[in-house]
Amino acid sequence: MKAAVILFFLFSNIINAQNINSSEQPLTAKQKCIIAISSVAAKGDLPTLKTELNKGLEVGLTINEIKEVLVHLYAYCGFPRSIRGLQTFMEVLDERKAMGINDKMGADASPIHQEPAKYERGKKVLSELTKIPQERPSSGYGAFAPAIDTFLKEHLFADIFERDVLTYGERELVTISVLSAIGGVEPMLRSHLSISLNVGLTPGQLSEFVSIIRTTLGERAASDVQQVLDEVLKNTPQTSTVTQLPGDTAFPKGEKITGNNFTGTAYVFRIINPDSTFYTSIGNVTFEPKARTNWHKHPGGQILLVTAGMGFYQEKGKPAQLIRNGDVVRIPPDTVHWHGAAPDTGLTHIAISLNLEKGNVIWLEPVTEEQYKRSNFHE
């Protein structure tokens, strides 16, 4: 009875905490360059691609980020376009080096954990992207040609989407850019525009995307994309992105967290302390913009209930996920991860640490500035 009352109270207050003033952020210079590079590379316009590659490097995209964009292309428009894009990029780098320009290489992809099996990992990633549980298809093209379902889950969504050089949001920008360039794939474009909204891109940013497509691919392509986007937005409940530190949440902000396990400023209010009956602790944690935990793990697992703001959650070896008010994050036991606020937005969540008889949190190394920057959907 005590546990039921606690959970009812928590979820009731979460619902009440979701009416927050908000505004949208425009696409960043890097995001715009990713769209331009992807669309002209998929089109095969190599002279224009050279120009866009130079622009991307100038606004701060690393060599490895651009390489990842061009590699990602092949899953949607084939090896020839991807390889010609990479060859063109090599030429651009040689020309810049001859002019004395040394571009930043950037981080390599982290090793990917090979358990469970690829198909199961791909299903999990696709579920995260679509917000829909995935099973083996009983109808449609996946049932008609089971091999394509296997290839999609194991290669596209495990081998490719699990790589962390690009965020899910950045990979979706590449994907919808390529689909816009090749045309005639409205069902796939519709699906990936919806996924773009799921991973943190906003309707305003997708409208900006159409404007960039108009510049790189022409009016006809932009008109086709706009028509599909209008349909997606019409059928998608609109939510807002919070742009300030939440100030009206269900529980007090509590005391400032001290020590070496957090970067930046964060606060905690202890709601429930563990006892010998429940072996569970519940705390309200508030992060100021840019604040975050160290990498850590919970022997008994943890659940995060996001009540306000926006930030990131990332498991070791996987891309970061955008989390916003109303999201629920389930963290399995002994999973190394971190979570924290976005650069210009605070984050508040209720942290429920479970099965504490198995042990307390194990703190690890800090999240570096490079790791945090790579996690940021708005950087």
Protein backbone atom coordinates (compact mmCIF):
# COMPACT_ATOMS: atom_id res chain seq x y z
CA MET A 1 0.00 0.00 0.00
CA LYS A 2 2.80 2.43 0.88
CA ALA A 3 4.55 1.82 -2.45
CA ALA A 4 1.30 2.24 -4.42
CA VAL A 5 0.56 5.56 -2.71
CA ILE A 6 4.10 6.80 -3.43
CA LEU A 7 3.93 5.91 -7.14
CA PHE A 8 0.42 7.40 -7.53
CA PHE A 9 1.61 10.63 -5.93
CA LEU A 10 4.72 10.76 -8.12
CA PHE A 11 2.90 10.22 -11.41
CA SER A 12 0.13 12.67 -10.49
CA ASN A 13 2.69 15.39 -9.85
CA ILE A 14 4.60 14.55 -13.03
CA ILE A 15 1.45 15.16 -15.08
CA ASN A 16 0.85 18.46 -13.30
CA ALA A 17 4.45 19.55 -13.91
CA GLN A 18 4.28 19.39 -17.69
CA ASN A 19 2.63 22.76 -18.42
CA ILE A 20 5.85 24.73 -19.01
CA ASN A 21 6.53 27.82 -21.10
CA SER A 22 8.65 26.98 -24.14
CA SER A 23 10.11 28.15 -27.46
CA GLU A 24 11.89 26.44 -30.29
CA GLN A 25 15.56 26.67 -31.18
CA PRO A 26 16.57 27.01 -34.84
CA LEU A 27 18.84 24.52 -36.56
CA THR A 28 22.49 25.09 -35.75
CA ALA A 29 25.12 25.82 -38.39
CA LYS A 30 26.40 22.23 -38.06
CA GLN A 31 22.95 20.74 -38.54
CA LYS A 32 22.38 22.90 -41.63
CA CYS A 33 25.69 21.72 -43.09
CA ILE A 34 24.82 18.08 -42.43
CA ILE A 35 21.62 18.56 -44.43
CA ALA A 36 23.39 20.30 -47.31
CA ILE A 37 26.25 17.77 -47.48
CA SER A 38 23.87 14.81 -47.37
CA SER A 39 21.44 16.09 -49.97
CA VAL A 40 23.99 17.14 -52.60
CA ALA A 41 26.06 13.97 -52.07
CA ALA A 42 22.95 11.83 -52.58
CA LYS A 43 22.14 13.85 -55.70
CA GLY A 44 25.67 13.27 -57.03
CA ASP A 45 26.44 16.98 -57.42
CA LEU A 46 30.15 16.71 -56.61
CA PRO A 47 31.21 20.31 -57.41
CA THR A 48 28.56 21.64 -55.01
CA LEU A 49 29.50 18.94 -52.53
CA LYS A 50 33.04 20.33 -52.40
CA THR A 51 31.65 23.73 -51.44
CA GLU A 52 29.37 22.27 -48.76
CA LEU A 53 32.16 20.12 -47.32
CA ASN A 54 34.34 23.19 -46.90
CA LYS A 55 31.46 25.00 -45.19
CA GLY A 56 30.94 22.07 -42.83
CA LEU A 57 34.59 22.06 -41.76
CA GLU A 58 34.53 25.82 -41.29
CA VAL A 59 31.54 25.71 -38.91
CA GLY A 60 33.19 23.04 -36.76
CA LEU A 61 32.16 19.63 -38.06
CA THR A 62 35.06 17.25 -37.48
CA ILE A 63 36.58 15.02 -40.13
CA ASN A 64 35.15 11.93 -38.46
CA GLU A 65 31.67 13.46 -38.23
CA ILE A 66 31.63 14.24 -41.96
CA LYS A 67 33.03 10.81 -42.79
CA GLU A 68 30.21 9.29 -40.73
CA VAL A 69 27.64 11.37 -42.64
CA LEU A 70 29.01 10.10 -45.97
CA VAL A 71 29.20 6.50 -44.75
CA HIS A 72 25.60 6.70 -43.47
CA LEU A 73 24.52 7.68 -46.99
CA TYR A 74 25.11 4.25 -48.47
CA ALA A 75 22.29 2.68 -46.45
CA TYR A 76 19.80 4.91 -48.27
CA CYS A 77 21.28 5.75 -51.69
CA GLY A 78 23.90 3.04 -52.25
CA PHE A 79 27.65 2.54 -52.20
CA PRO A 80 28.39 4.52 -55.41
CA ARG A 81 27.09 7.82 -54.03
CA SER A 82 28.67 7.18 -50.63
CA ILE A 83 32.07 6.28 -52.06
CA ARG A 84 32.09 9.23 -54.49
CA GLY A 85 31.25 11.46 -51.55
CA LEU A 86 34.15 10.07 -49.54
CA GLN A 87 36.53 10.47 -52.51
CA THR A 88 35.42 14.09 -52.90
CA PHE A 89 35.97 14.66 -49.19
CA MET A 90 39.50 13.28 -49.49
CA GLU A 91 40.18 15.80 -52.26
CA VAL A 92 38.85 18.64 -50.11
CA LEU A 93 41.05 17.65 -47.18
CA ASP A 94 44.13 17.43 -49.41
CA GLU A 95 43.42 20.89 -50.83
CA ARG A 96 42.93 22.39 -47.37
CA LYS A 97 46.08 20.73 -46.07
CA ALA A 98 48.04 22.19 -49.00
CA MET A 99 46.79 25.62 -47.89
CA GLY A 100 48.04 24.98 -44.36
CA ILE A 101 44.64 24.23 -42.86
CA ASN A 102 44.67 21.44 -40.29
CA ASP A 103 41.11 20.32 -39.62
CA LYS A 104 40.09 18.61 -36.39
CA MET A 105 39.86 14.82 -36.69
CA GLY A 106 37.38 14.35 -33.85
CA ALA A 107 36.55 11.24 -31.86
CA ASP A 108 36.32 7.77 -33.37
CA ALA A 109 33.26 5.60 -32.83
CA SER A 110 33.21 3.83 -29.48
CA PRO A 111 33.33 0.01 -29.46
CA ILE A 112 29.86 -1.52 -29.63
CA HIS A 113 28.87 -4.23 -27.16
CA GLN A 114 28.01 -7.35 -29.16
CA GLU A 115 25.42 -8.70 -26.74
CA PRO A 116 22.58 -9.40 -27.19
CA ALA A 117 22.40 -10.61 -30.81
CA LYS A 118 22.33 -8.01 -33.58
CA TYR A 119 18.69 -8.59 -34.48
CA GLU A 120 17.59 -7.95 -30.90
CA ARG A 121 19.79 -4.85 -30.64
CA GLY A 122 18.38 -3.55 -33.90
CA LYS A 123 14.82 -4.08 -32.67
CA LYS A 124 15.64 -2.14 -29.51
CA VAL A 125 17.13 0.80 -31.46
CA LEU A 126 14.18 0.89 -33.85
CA SER A 127 11.80 0.82 -30.88
CA GLU A 128 13.62 3.82 -29.38
CA LEU A 129 13.41 5.70 -32.67
CA THR A 130 9.76 4.96 -33.48
CA LYS A 131 8.43 4.71 -29.90
CA ILE A 132 6.74 1.48 -31.07
CA PRO A 133 7.65 -2.06 -29.86
CA GLN A 134 9.21 -4.10 -32.68
CA GLU A 135 8.56 -7.75 -33.47
CA ARG A 136 9.20 -9.95 -36.49
CA PRO A 137 6.72 -8.73 -39.13
CA SER A 138 3.70 -10.92 -39.86
CA SER A 139 2.67 -8.89 -42.91
CA GLY A 140 4.01 -6.33 -45.38
CA TYR A 141 7.35 -6.33 -47.14
CA GLY A 142 9.14 -7.80 -44.10
CA ALA A 143 6.97 -10.91 -44.20
CA PHE A 144 7.09 -11.06 -48.00
CA ALA A 145 10.92 -10.94 -47.97
CA PRO A 146 12.14 -11.85 -44.45
CA ALA A 147 15.78 -11.32 -45.46
CA ILE A 148 15.21 -7.56 -45.84
CA ASP A 149 13.75 -7.38 -42.32
CA THR A 150 16.85 -9.14 -40.98
CA PHE A 151 19.20 -6.85 -42.92
CA LEU A 152 17.37 -3.75 -41.69
CA LYS A 153 17.39 -4.75 -38.03
CA GLU A 154 20.89 -6.25 -37.91
CA HIS A 155 22.80 -3.90 -40.18
CA LEU A 156 21.00 -0.57 -40.49
CA PHE A 157 19.70 -0.23 -36.94
CA ALA A 158 22.41 -2.24 -35.13
CA ASP A 159 25.63 -1.78 -37.11
CA ILE A 160 24.97 1.79 -38.25
CA PHE A 161 22.57 3.55 -35.85
CA GLU A 162 24.40 2.19 -32.78
CA ARG A 163 27.58 4.05 -33.77
CA ASP A 164 27.99 7.14 -31.61
CA VAL A 165 29.95 9.53 -33.86
CA LEU A 166 26.58 11.07 -34.79
CA THR A 167 23.51 11.39 -32.57
CA TYR A 168 20.17 9.88 -33.53
CA GLY A 169 19.02 13.38 -34.46
CA GLU A 170 21.98 13.94 -36.78
CA ARG A 171 21.52 10.52 -38.40
CA GLU A 172 17.89 11.35 -39.05
CA LEU A 173 18.90 14.63 -40.70
CA VAL A 174 21.16 12.63 -43.02
CA THR A 175 18.41 10.11 -43.70
CA ILE A 176 15.63 12.58 -44.55
CA SER A 177 18.06 14.58 -46.69
CA VAL A 178 18.92 11.50 -48.77
CA LEU A 179 15.28 10.43 -49.06
CA SER A 180 14.41 13.94 -50.24
CA ALA A 181 17.13 13.73 -52.89
CA ILE A 182 16.20 10.36 -54.38
CA GLY A 183 12.43 11.01 -54.40
CA GLY A 184 9.58 8.55 -54.87
CA VAL A 185 9.96 7.15 -51.33
CA GLU A 186 7.20 9.03 -49.53
CA PRO A 187 6.34 6.23 -47.03
CA MET A 188 9.96 6.08 -45.86
CA LEU A 189 10.25 9.87 -45.75
CA ARG A 190 7.04 10.05 -43.74
CA SER A 191 8.39 7.49 -41.28
CA HIS A 192 11.72 9.23 -40.80
CA LEU A 193 10.17 12.68 -40.44
CA SER A 194 8.13 11.20 -37.59
CA ILE A 195 11.28 9.67 -36.08
CA SER A 196 12.98 13.08 -36.37
CA LEU A 197 10.31 14.50 -34.09
CA ASN A 198 10.75 11.57 -31.70
CA VAL A 199 14.49 12.20 -31.31
CA GLY A 200 14.18 15.90 -30.57
CA LEU A 201 13.91 17.84 -33.82
CA THR A 202 11.05 20.33 -33.73
CA PRO A 203 8.41 21.27 -36.34
CA GLY A 204 10.17 24.62 -36.79
CA GLN A 205 13.51 22.92 -37.40
CA LEU A 206 11.92 20.59 -39.95
CA SER A 207 10.47 23.63 -41.72
CA GLU A 208 14.03 25.01 -41.86
CA PHE A 209 15.08 21.64 -43.28
CA VAL A 210 12.64 22.11 -46.16
CA SER A 211 14.13 25.55 -46.87
CA ILE A 212 17.62 24.06 -47.12
CA ILE A 213 16.31 21.31 -49.43
CA ARG A 214 14.83 24.04 -51.59
CA THR A 215 18.32 25.54 -51.95
CA THR A 216 20.21 22.28 -52.54
CA LEU A 217 17.68 20.20 -54.50
CA GLY A 218 15.27 22.71 -55.99
CA GLU A 219 11.66 23.80 -55.66
CA ARG A 220 10.08 20.54 -56.83
CA ALA A 221 11.90 18.42 -54.25
CA ALA A 222 11.13 20.95 -51.52
CA SER A 223 7.45 20.98 -52.46
CA ASP A 224 7.28 17.19 -52.29
CA VAL A 225 8.96 17.16 -48.87
CA GLN A 226 6.71 19.94 -47.57
CA GLN A 227 3.64 17.97 -48.57
CA VAL A 228 4.81 14.91 -46.60
CA LEU A 229 5.88 17.06 -43.63
CA ASP A 230 2.47 18.76 -43.51
CA GLU A 231 0.84 15.34 -43.36
CA VAL A 232 3.16 14.17 -40.56
CA LEU A 233 2.62 17.30 -38.46
CA LYS A 234 -1.14 17.10 -38.95
CA ASN A 235 -1.17 13.60 -37.49
CA THR A 236 1.41 14.15 -34.72
CA PRO A 237 0.48 15.63 -31.32
CA GLN A 238 2.70 18.68 -30.90
CA THR A 239 4.87 19.06 -27.84
CA SER A 240 7.16 21.95 -26.97
CA THR A 241 10.84 22.05 -26.14
CA VAL A 242 11.68 23.73 -22.82
CA THR A 243 14.31 26.47 -23.04
CA GLN A 244 14.73 27.55 -19.45
CA LEU A 245 15.57 25.96 -16.12
CA PRO A 246 12.36 24.49 -14.68
CA GLY A 247 11.25 26.48 -11.68
CA ASP A 248 7.83 25.06 -10.83
CA THR A 249 8.20 21.33 -10.28
CA ALA A 250 6.42 18.92 -7.97
CA PHE A 251 9.12 18.75 -5.27
CA PRO A 252 11.63 21.23 -3.78
CA LYS A 253 15.01 21.66 -5.47
CA GLY A 254 16.73 20.53 -2.30
CA GLU A 255 20.41 20.88 -1.47
CA LYS A 256 23.30 21.54 -3.81
CA ILE A 257 25.21 18.36 -4.65
CA THR A 258 28.87 18.51 -3.65
CA GLY A 259 31.77 16.18 -4.39
CA ASN A 260 33.33 14.94 -7.60
CA ASN A 261 30.51 12.85 -9.09
CA PHE A 262 28.79 15.67 -11.00
CA THR A 263 29.99 18.27 -13.51
CA GLY A 264 28.29 21.64 -13.11
CA THR A 265 25.62 22.59 -10.58
CA ALA A 266 22.93 20.13 -9.52
CA TYR A 267 20.59 19.76 -6.54
CA VAL A 268 18.83 16.84 -4.86
CA PHE A 269 15.77 16.58 -2.61
CA ARG A 270 15.47 13.20 -0.88
CA ILE A 271 11.85 12.02 -1.18
CA ILE A 272 12.24 8.50 0.18
CA ASN A 273 15.30 7.06 1.90
CA PRO A 274 15.94 3.30 1.59
CA ASP A 275 14.80 0.95 4.33
CA SER A 276 14.82 -2.79 5.00
CA THR A 277 11.33 -3.18 3.51
CA PHE A 278 11.56 -1.46 0.14
CA TYR A 279 15.32 -1.24 -0.56
CA THR A 280 14.54 1.75 -2.76
CA SER A 281 15.54 5.40 -2.68
CA ILE A 282 13.69 8.19 -4.49
CA GLY A 283 15.11 11.65 -5.06
CA ASN A 284 14.19 14.76 -7.02
CA VAL A 285 17.30 15.86 -8.95
CA THR A 286 17.59 19.27 -10.62
CA PHE A 287 20.39 20.03 -13.12
CA GLU A 288 21.27 23.54 -14.21
CA PRO A 289 22.17 23.92 -17.92
CA LYS A 290 25.25 21.82 -18.90
CA ALA A 291 25.26 19.98 -15.55
CA ARG A 292 25.56 16.20 -15.67
CA THR A 293 26.49 13.11 -13.70
CA ASN A 294 29.71 11.14 -14.09
CA TRP A 295 29.53 7.79 -15.80
CA HIS A 296 28.09 5.37 -13.22
CA LYS A 297 26.05 2.21 -12.74
CA HIS A 298 23.46 0.85 -10.31
CA PRO A 299 23.75 -2.82 -9.26
CA GLY A 300 19.97 -2.94 -8.78
CA GLY A 301 18.93 -0.75 -11.70
CA GLN A 302 17.27 2.67 -11.78
CA ILE A 303 14.24 4.47 -13.23
CA LEU A 304 14.23 8.16 -14.17
CA LEU A 305 10.93 10.08 -14.43
CA VAL A 306 11.57 13.36 -16.24
CA THR A 307 9.31 16.04 -14.80
CA ALA A 308 10.63 19.22 -16.44
CA GLY A 309 13.21 20.51 -18.88
CA MET A 310 15.34 18.75 -21.43
CA GLY A 311 18.62 16.85 -21.38
CA PHE A 312 20.41 13.65 -22.35
CA TYR A 313 20.71 10.04 -21.27
CA GLN A 314 23.49 7.84 -22.67
CA GLU A 315 24.59 4.26 -22.11
CA LYS A 316 28.23 3.33 -22.70
CA GLY A 317 28.84 2.44 -26.34
CA LYS A 318 25.48 3.77 -27.56
CA PRO A 319 24.28 7.13 -28.95
CA ALA A 320 22.82 9.64 -26.52
CA GLN A 321 19.05 9.98 -26.24
CA LEU A 322 17.21 13.26 -25.86
CA ILE A 323 14.97 13.20 -22.77
CA ARG A 324 12.20 15.67 -22.01
CA ASN A 325 9.45 16.22 -19.46
CA GLY A 326 7.15 13.20 -19.45
CA ASP A 327 9.82 10.68 -20.53
CA VAL A 328 10.52 7.54 -18.52
CA VAL A 329 14.02 6.00 -18.65
CA ARG A 330 14.47 2.39 -17.50
CA ILE A 331 18.11 1.58 -16.70
CA PRO A 332 18.97 -2.12 -16.32
CA PRO A 333 21.24 -3.27 -13.47
CA ASP A 334 25.00 -2.68 -13.95
CA THR A 335 24.47 -0.56 -17.09
CA VAL A 336 27.15 2.14 -17.32
CA HIS A 337 25.47 5.45 -18.19
CA TRP A 338 25.21 9.19 -17.50
CA HIS A 339 22.42 11.76 -17.63
CA GLY A 340 22.17 15.53 -17.38
CA ALA A 341 20.85 18.79 -18.78
CA ALA A 342 21.16 20.31 -22.26
CA PRO A 343 23.53 23.28 -22.75
CA ASP A 344 20.86 25.98 -22.55
CA THR A 345 18.15 24.12 -20.67
CA GLY A 346 17.75 22.80 -17.15
CA LEU A 347 16.51 19.30 -16.39
CA THR A 348 14.57 17.90 -13.45
CA HIS A 349 13.89 14.21 -12.94
CA ILE A 350 12.86 11.87 -10.17
CA ALA A 351 15.51 9.18 -9.71
CA ILE A 352 14.28 5.85 -8.34
CA SER A 353 17.18 3.59 -7.35
CA LEU A 354 16.00 -0.01 -7.02
CA ASN A 355 17.06 -3.22 -5.24
CA LEU A 356 19.61 -1.45 -3.06
CA GLU A 357 20.28 -4.70 -1.22
CA LYS A 358 22.44 -5.50 -4.30
CA GLY A 359 24.63 -2.46 -3.65
CA ASN A 360 24.77 1.31 -3.97
CA VAL A 361 25.64 3.36 -7.04
CA ILE A 362 29.16 2.83 -8.40
CA TRP A 363 30.66 6.10 -9.62
CA LEU A 364 33.14 6.12 -12.51
CA GLU A 365 35.01 8.76 -14.53
CA PRO A 366 33.53 12.17 -15.48
CA VAL A 367 31.83 12.72 -18.84
CA THR A 368 34.36 14.72 -20.86
CA GLU A 369 33.51 17.92 -22.70
CA GLU A 370 34.01 16.09 -26.01
CA GLN A 371 31.62 13.29 -24.98
CA TYR A 372 29.05 15.82 -23.80
CA LYS A 373 29.36 17.89 -26.97
CA ARG A 374 28.86 14.82 -29.16
CA SER A 375 25.70 14.01 -27.20
CA ASN A 376 24.15 17.41 -27.81
CA PHE A 377 21.35 17.47 -30.36
CA HIS A 378 21.46 21.27 -30.49
CA GLU A 379 25.21 21.80 -30.89
